[in-house]
Amino acid sequence: VQLQASGGGLGQPGGSLRLSCAASGSIFSINAMGWYRQGPGKQRELVASTTSGGSTNYADSVKGRFTISRDNAKNTVYLQMNSLKPEDTAVYYCYALLRTTYYGRYWGQGTLVTVSS
């Protein structure tokens, strides 16, 4: 099983970026998918998550600015980031709680988002 993240890069304050993360391999089912981030000198924090039933959860710091969505047919989760702030600068990691031969959490490789003018 692999999770491939993409879409990071340089964004301007007030601008937008969209992250994608696709899960591939011998996947029986996917429960939750989401994103964590780790900024410079900070601990890793949960940014947003979504369940197979469509429930979503957001960190207070991104509510109203970020939107998580999911394409179950493509085993892909997206993070639309609007109204970017310099404090959003971080490495973003996607994850999936999924079942192959067993149930576990899988991580993507991380994608760097830098917000700067």
N, C-alpha and C. Protein backbone atom coordinates (compact mmCIF):
# COMPACT_ATOMS: atom_id res chain seq x y z
N VAL A 1 0.85 -1.19 0.00
CA VAL A 1 0.00 0.00 0.00
C VAL A 1 0.88 1.23 0.00
N GLN A 2 0.53 2.20 -0.84
CA GLN A 2 1.26 3.46 -0.90
C GLN A 2 0.29 4.62 -0.86
N LEU A 3 0.70 5.70 -0.21
CA LEU A 3 -0.02 6.95 -0.25
C LEU A 3 0.89 7.97 -0.91
N GLN A 4 0.43 8.54 -2.01
CA GLN A 4 1.23 9.50 -2.78
C GLN A 4 0.59 10.87 -2.67
N ALA A 5 1.31 11.77 -2.01
CA ALA A 5 0.82 13.14 -1.84
C ALA A 5 1.41 14.05 -2.90
N SER A 6 0.65 15.06 -3.27
CA SER A 6 1.12 16.03 -4.25
C SER A 6 0.41 17.36 -4.02
N GLY A 7 0.95 18.40 -4.65
CA GLY A 7 0.28 19.69 -4.62
C GLY A 7 0.90 20.73 -3.72
N GLY A 8 1.94 20.40 -3.00
CA GLY A 8 2.59 21.39 -2.16
C GLY A 8 3.36 22.40 -2.99
N GLY A 9 3.93 23.38 -2.32
CA GLY A 9 4.70 24.38 -3.02
C GLY A 9 4.62 25.71 -2.32
N LEU A 10 4.86 26.76 -3.08
CA LEU A 10 4.86 28.10 -2.54
C LEU A 10 3.51 28.76 -2.78
N GLY A 11 2.93 29.27 -1.71
CA GLY A 11 1.69 30.02 -1.81
C GLY A 11 1.86 31.38 -1.18
N GLN A 12 1.09 32.33 -1.66
CA GLN A 12 1.17 33.68 -1.12
C GLN A 12 0.15 33.86 -0.01
N PRO A 13 0.43 34.73 0.95
CA PRO A 13 -0.58 35.03 1.97
C PRO A 13 -1.88 35.47 1.31
N GLY A 14 -2.96 34.85 1.75
CA GLY A 14 -4.26 35.12 1.16
C GLY A 14 -4.57 34.28 -0.06
N GLY A 15 -3.60 33.53 -0.52
CA GLY A 15 -3.79 32.70 -1.70
C GLY A 15 -4.30 31.31 -1.37
N SER A 16 -4.25 30.44 -2.37
CA SER A 16 -4.79 29.10 -2.24
C SER A 16 -3.82 28.06 -2.78
N LEU A 17 -3.91 26.89 -2.21
CA LEU A 17 -3.22 25.70 -2.70
C LEU A 17 -4.13 24.50 -2.48
N ARG A 18 -3.93 23.48 -3.28
CA ARG A 18 -4.72 22.25 -3.13
C ARG A 18 -3.79 21.06 -3.06
N LEU A 19 -3.93 20.29 -2.02
CA LEU A 19 -3.16 19.07 -1.85
C LEU A 19 -4.02 17.86 -2.23
N SER A 20 -3.36 16.85 -2.76
CA SER A 20 -4.02 15.59 -3.09
C SER A 20 -3.22 14.44 -2.50
N CYS A 21 -3.90 13.37 -2.19
CA CYS A 21 -3.23 12.18 -1.68
C CYS A 21 -4.00 10.95 -2.14
N ALA A 22 -3.34 10.12 -2.92
CA ALA A 22 -3.98 8.94 -3.47
C ALA A 22 -3.41 7.68 -2.85
N ALA A 23 -4.28 6.81 -2.40
CA ALA A 23 -3.88 5.53 -1.84
C ALA A 23 -3.98 4.45 -2.92
N SER A 24 -2.99 3.60 -2.99
CA SER A 24 -2.99 2.54 -3.99
C SER A 24 -2.45 1.25 -3.39
N GLY A 25 -2.75 0.16 -4.05
CA GLY A 25 -2.30 -1.14 -3.57
C GLY A 25 -3.47 -2.05 -3.29
N SER A 26 -3.20 -3.10 -2.56
CA SER A 26 -4.23 -4.10 -2.26
C SER A 26 -5.05 -3.65 -1.05
N ILE A 27 -5.98 -2.75 -1.31
CA ILE A 27 -6.79 -2.14 -0.26
C ILE A 27 -8.17 -2.77 -0.25
N PHE A 28 -8.55 -3.26 0.92
CA PHE A 28 -9.89 -3.83 1.03
C PHE A 28 -10.91 -2.74 1.32
N SER A 29 -10.59 -1.87 2.27
CA SER A 29 -11.49 -0.77 2.59
C SER A 29 -10.69 0.34 3.26
N ILE A 30 -11.22 1.56 3.14
CA ILE A 30 -10.61 2.72 3.78
C ILE A 30 -11.62 3.34 4.72
N ASN A 31 -11.24 3.54 5.95
CA ASN A 31 -12.10 4.20 6.90
C ASN A 31 -11.85 5.70 6.83
N ALA A 32 -10.93 6.18 7.60
CA ALA A 32 -10.68 7.62 7.62
C ALA A 32 -9.47 7.98 6.77
N MET A 33 -9.47 9.20 6.27
CA MET A 33 -8.32 9.78 5.60
C MET A 33 -8.19 11.20 6.09
N GLY A 34 -6.98 11.73 6.04
CA GLY A 34 -6.81 13.10 6.50
C GLY A 34 -5.40 13.60 6.34
N TRP A 35 -5.19 14.73 6.99
CA TRP A 35 -3.91 15.42 6.88
C TRP A 35 -3.42 15.88 8.25
N TYR A 36 -2.13 15.68 8.49
CA TYR A 36 -1.42 16.28 9.60
C TYR A 36 -0.42 17.27 9.01
N ARG A 37 0.11 18.13 9.85
CA ARG A 37 1.19 19.00 9.41
C ARG A 37 2.18 19.22 10.56
N GLN A 38 3.39 19.53 10.17
CA GLN A 38 4.42 19.84 11.16
C GLN A 38 5.19 21.06 10.68
N GLY A 39 4.99 22.16 11.38
CA GLY A 39 5.69 23.39 11.05
C GLY A 39 7.05 23.44 11.70
N PRO A 40 7.86 24.41 11.30
CA PRO A 40 9.22 24.55 11.86
C PRO A 40 9.18 24.72 13.38
N GLY A 41 9.85 23.82 14.09
CA GLY A 41 9.91 23.92 15.54
C GLY A 41 8.61 23.58 16.25
N LYS A 42 7.68 22.98 15.54
CA LYS A 42 6.38 22.66 16.13
C LYS A 42 6.14 21.16 16.12
N GLN A 43 5.18 20.74 16.95
CA GLN A 43 4.77 19.35 16.94
C GLN A 43 3.82 19.09 15.79
N ARG A 44 3.76 17.83 15.39
CA ARG A 44 2.81 17.47 14.35
C ARG A 44 1.39 17.62 14.89
N GLU A 45 0.53 18.20 14.07
CA GLU A 45 -0.85 18.42 14.48
C GLU A 45 -1.81 17.96 13.41
N LEU A 46 -2.98 17.51 13.85
CA LEU A 46 -4.02 17.13 12.91
C LEU A 46 -4.62 18.39 12.29
N VAL A 47 -4.68 18.42 10.98
CA VAL A 47 -5.27 19.54 10.26
C VAL A 47 -6.73 19.28 9.95
N ALA A 48 -6.99 18.15 9.33
CA ALA A 48 -8.36 17.82 8.94
C ALA A 48 -8.46 16.33 8.68
N SER A 49 -9.65 15.79 8.88
CA SER A 49 -9.87 14.38 8.60
C SER A 49 -11.29 14.18 8.10
N THR A 50 -11.49 13.06 7.41
CA THR A 50 -12.81 12.72 6.92
C THR A 50 -12.99 11.22 6.98
N THR A 51 -14.20 10.79 7.31
CA THR A 51 -14.49 9.37 7.39
C THR A 51 -15.15 8.88 6.11
N SER A 52 -15.29 7.58 6.00
CA SER A 52 -15.94 7.01 4.82
C SER A 52 -17.40 7.44 4.74
N GLY A 53 -17.97 7.80 5.88
CA GLY A 53 -19.35 8.26 5.90
C GLY A 53 -19.52 9.72 5.59
N GLY A 54 -18.40 10.43 5.43
CA GLY A 54 -18.47 11.84 5.06
C GLY A 54 -18.32 12.83 6.19
N SER A 55 -18.15 12.34 7.41
CA SER A 55 -17.94 13.26 8.52
C SER A 55 -16.56 13.90 8.40
N THR A 56 -16.49 15.15 8.79
CA THR A 56 -15.22 15.87 8.72
C THR A 56 -14.88 16.50 10.06
N ASN A 57 -13.60 16.74 10.24
CA ASN A 57 -13.10 17.35 11.47
C ASN A 57 -11.94 18.26 11.09
N TYR A 58 -11.89 19.45 11.72
CA TYR A 58 -10.86 20.42 11.39
C TYR A 58 -10.20 20.96 12.65
N ALA A 59 -8.93 21.28 12.54
CA ALA A 59 -8.27 22.03 13.60
C ALA A 59 -8.88 23.42 13.64
N ASP A 60 -8.96 23.99 14.83
CA ASP A 60 -9.55 25.32 14.96
C ASP A 60 -8.82 26.34 14.09
N SER A 61 -7.53 26.16 13.94
CA SER A 61 -6.71 27.13 13.22
C SER A 61 -7.01 27.18 11.72
N VAL A 62 -7.69 26.18 11.20
CA VAL A 62 -7.96 26.14 9.75
C VAL A 62 -9.44 26.17 9.42
N LYS A 63 -10.29 26.13 10.43
CA LYS A 63 -11.74 26.13 10.17
C LYS A 63 -12.13 27.38 9.40
N GLY A 64 -12.95 27.17 8.38
CA GLY A 64 -13.40 28.28 7.55
C GLY A 64 -12.44 28.63 6.43
N ARG A 65 -11.24 28.07 6.46
CA ARG A 65 -10.25 28.36 5.41
C ARG A 65 -9.90 27.10 4.60
N PHE A 66 -9.83 25.97 5.26
CA PHE A 66 -9.46 24.72 4.60
C PHE A 66 -10.70 23.83 4.46
N THR A 67 -10.72 23.08 3.37
CA THR A 67 -11.81 22.13 3.15
C THR A 67 -11.22 20.78 2.75
N ILE A 68 -11.62 19.75 3.45
CA ILE A 68 -11.18 18.40 3.11
C ILE A 68 -12.30 17.71 2.34
N SER A 69 -11.92 16.97 1.33
CA SER A 69 -12.90 16.22 0.56
C SER A 69 -12.26 14.90 0.13
N ARG A 70 -13.11 14.02 -0.36
CA ARG A 70 -12.63 12.67 -0.64
C ARG A 70 -13.36 12.08 -1.83
N ASP A 71 -12.62 11.40 -2.68
CA ASP A 71 -13.19 10.67 -3.80
C ASP A 71 -12.99 9.19 -3.49
N ASN A 72 -14.03 8.54 -3.01
CA ASN A 72 -13.91 7.15 -2.59
C ASN A 72 -13.57 6.22 -3.76
N ALA A 73 -14.06 6.54 -4.93
CA ALA A 73 -13.80 5.70 -6.11
C ALA A 73 -12.32 5.71 -6.48
N LYS A 74 -11.67 6.83 -6.16
CA LYS A 74 -10.24 6.97 -6.50
C LYS A 74 -9.34 6.79 -5.29
N ASN A 75 -9.92 6.49 -4.13
CA ASN A 75 -9.13 6.36 -2.89
C ASN A 75 -8.24 7.59 -2.68
N THR A 76 -8.81 8.75 -2.92
CA THR A 76 -8.04 9.99 -2.88
C THR A 76 -8.70 10.99 -1.94
N VAL A 77 -7.85 11.68 -1.19
CA VAL A 77 -8.32 12.74 -0.31
C VAL A 77 -7.67 14.05 -0.76
N TYR A 78 -8.42 15.13 -0.66
CA TYR A 78 -7.96 16.44 -1.07
C TYR A 78 -8.01 17.41 0.12
N LEU A 79 -7.14 18.39 0.07
CA LEU A 79 -7.20 19.47 1.05
C LEU A 79 -7.11 20.79 0.29
N GLN A 80 -8.23 21.48 0.21
CA GLN A 80 -8.27 22.80 -0.41
C GLN A 80 -7.94 23.82 0.66
N MET A 81 -6.87 24.56 0.45
CA MET A 81 -6.40 25.53 1.43
C MET A 81 -6.56 26.93 0.86
N ASN A 82 -7.44 27.70 1.45
CA ASN A 82 -7.68 29.07 1.03
C ASN A 82 -7.25 30.04 2.13
N SER A 83 -7.16 31.30 1.76
CA SER A 83 -6.78 32.35 2.71
C SER A 83 -5.53 31.93 3.49
N LEU A 84 -4.53 31.51 2.77
CA LEU A 84 -3.31 31.01 3.40
C LEU A 84 -2.65 32.07 4.27
N LYS A 85 -2.05 31.59 5.34
CA LYS A 85 -1.31 32.44 6.26
C LYS A 85 0.12 31.91 6.39
N PRO A 86 1.07 32.78 6.73
CA PRO A 86 2.44 32.31 6.91
C PRO A 86 2.54 31.16 7.92
N GLU A 87 1.68 31.16 8.91
CA GLU A 87 1.73 30.09 9.92
C GLU A 87 1.22 28.75 9.40
N ASP A 88 0.70 28.73 8.18
CA ASP A 88 0.33 27.45 7.55
C ASP A 88 1.56 26.75 6.96
N THR A 89 2.68 27.44 6.94
CA THR A 89 3.91 26.83 6.43
C THR A 89 4.26 25.59 7.24
N ALA A 90 4.38 24.47 6.55
CA ALA A 90 4.64 23.20 7.23
C ALA A 90 4.82 22.10 6.19
N VAL A 91 5.30 20.97 6.65
CA VAL A 91 5.23 19.76 5.85
C VAL A 91 3.89 19.10 6.16
N TYR A 92 3.14 18.81 5.14
CA TYR A 92 1.81 18.22 5.29
C TYR A 92 1.90 16.73 4.95
N TYR A 93 1.37 15.93 5.86
CA TYR A 93 1.38 14.48 5.70
C TYR A 93 -0.05 13.97 5.61
N CYS A 94 -0.32 13.20 4.58
CA CYS A 94 -1.62 12.56 4.52
C CYS A 94 -1.55 11.19 5.18
N TYR A 95 -2.69 10.71 5.62
CA TYR A 95 -2.76 9.38 6.22
C TYR A 95 -4.08 8.72 5.83
N ALA A 96 -4.09 7.43 5.99
CA ALA A 96 -5.33 6.67 5.77
C ALA A 96 -5.39 5.53 6.78
N LEU A 97 -6.55 5.37 7.36
CA LEU A 97 -6.84 4.19 8.19
C LEU A 97 -7.53 3.19 7.29
N LEU A 98 -6.83 2.13 6.96
CA LEU A 98 -7.39 1.24 5.95
C LEU A 98 -7.10 -0.21 6.29
N ARG A 99 -7.81 -1.06 5.58
CA ARG A 99 -7.65 -2.51 5.79
C ARG A 99 -7.09 -3.15 4.53
N THR A 100 -5.98 -3.85 4.72
CA THR A 100 -5.46 -4.73 3.68
C THR A 100 -5.65 -6.15 4.22
N THR A 101 -4.58 -6.80 4.57
CA THR A 101 -4.71 -8.08 5.28
C THR A 101 -4.94 -7.82 6.77
N TYR A 102 -4.65 -6.62 7.19
CA TYR A 102 -4.94 -6.19 8.55
C TYR A 102 -5.30 -4.72 8.51
N TYR A 103 -5.74 -4.20 9.66
CA TYR A 103 -6.19 -2.80 9.73
C TYR A 103 -5.07 -1.97 10.34
N GLY A 104 -4.74 -0.85 9.67
CA GLY A 104 -3.69 -0.01 10.20
C GLY A 104 -3.68 1.38 9.60
N ARG A 105 -2.79 2.23 10.09
CA ARG A 105 -2.62 3.60 9.61
C ARG A 105 -1.42 3.65 8.68
N TYR A 106 -1.64 4.22 7.53
CA TYR A 106 -0.59 4.39 6.53
C TYR A 106 -0.37 5.88 6.30
N TRP A 107 0.90 6.22 5.99
CA TRP A 107 1.28 7.63 5.83
C TRP A 107 1.82 7.89 4.43
N GLY A 108 1.54 9.08 3.94
CA GLY A 108 2.19 9.57 2.74
C GLY A 108 3.55 10.12 3.07
N GLN A 109 4.27 10.54 2.03
CA GLN A 109 5.67 10.94 2.19
C GLN A 109 5.84 12.37 2.69
N GLY A 110 4.79 13.15 2.74
CA GLY A 110 4.92 14.54 3.16
C GLY A 110 5.15 15.46 1.98
N THR A 111 4.48 16.59 2.01
CA THR A 111 4.67 17.59 0.97
C THR A 111 4.79 18.95 1.63
N LEU A 112 5.78 19.73 1.20
CA LEU A 112 6.08 21.01 1.84
C LEU A 112 5.20 22.11 1.28
N VAL A 113 4.57 22.84 2.19
CA VAL A 113 3.81 24.04 1.85
C VAL A 113 4.50 25.22 2.51
N THR A 114 4.85 26.19 1.69
CA THR A 114 5.48 27.40 2.19
C THR A 114 4.61 28.59 1.81
N VAL A 115 4.23 29.37 2.81
CA VAL A 115 3.40 30.54 2.57
C VAL A 115 4.24 31.77 2.84
N SER A 116 4.52 32.50 1.79
CA SER A 116 5.39 33.66 1.91
C SER A 116 5.17 34.59 0.73
N SER A 117 5.35 35.86 0.97
CA SER A 117 5.26 36.83 -0.11
C SER A 117 6.63 37.11 -0.69
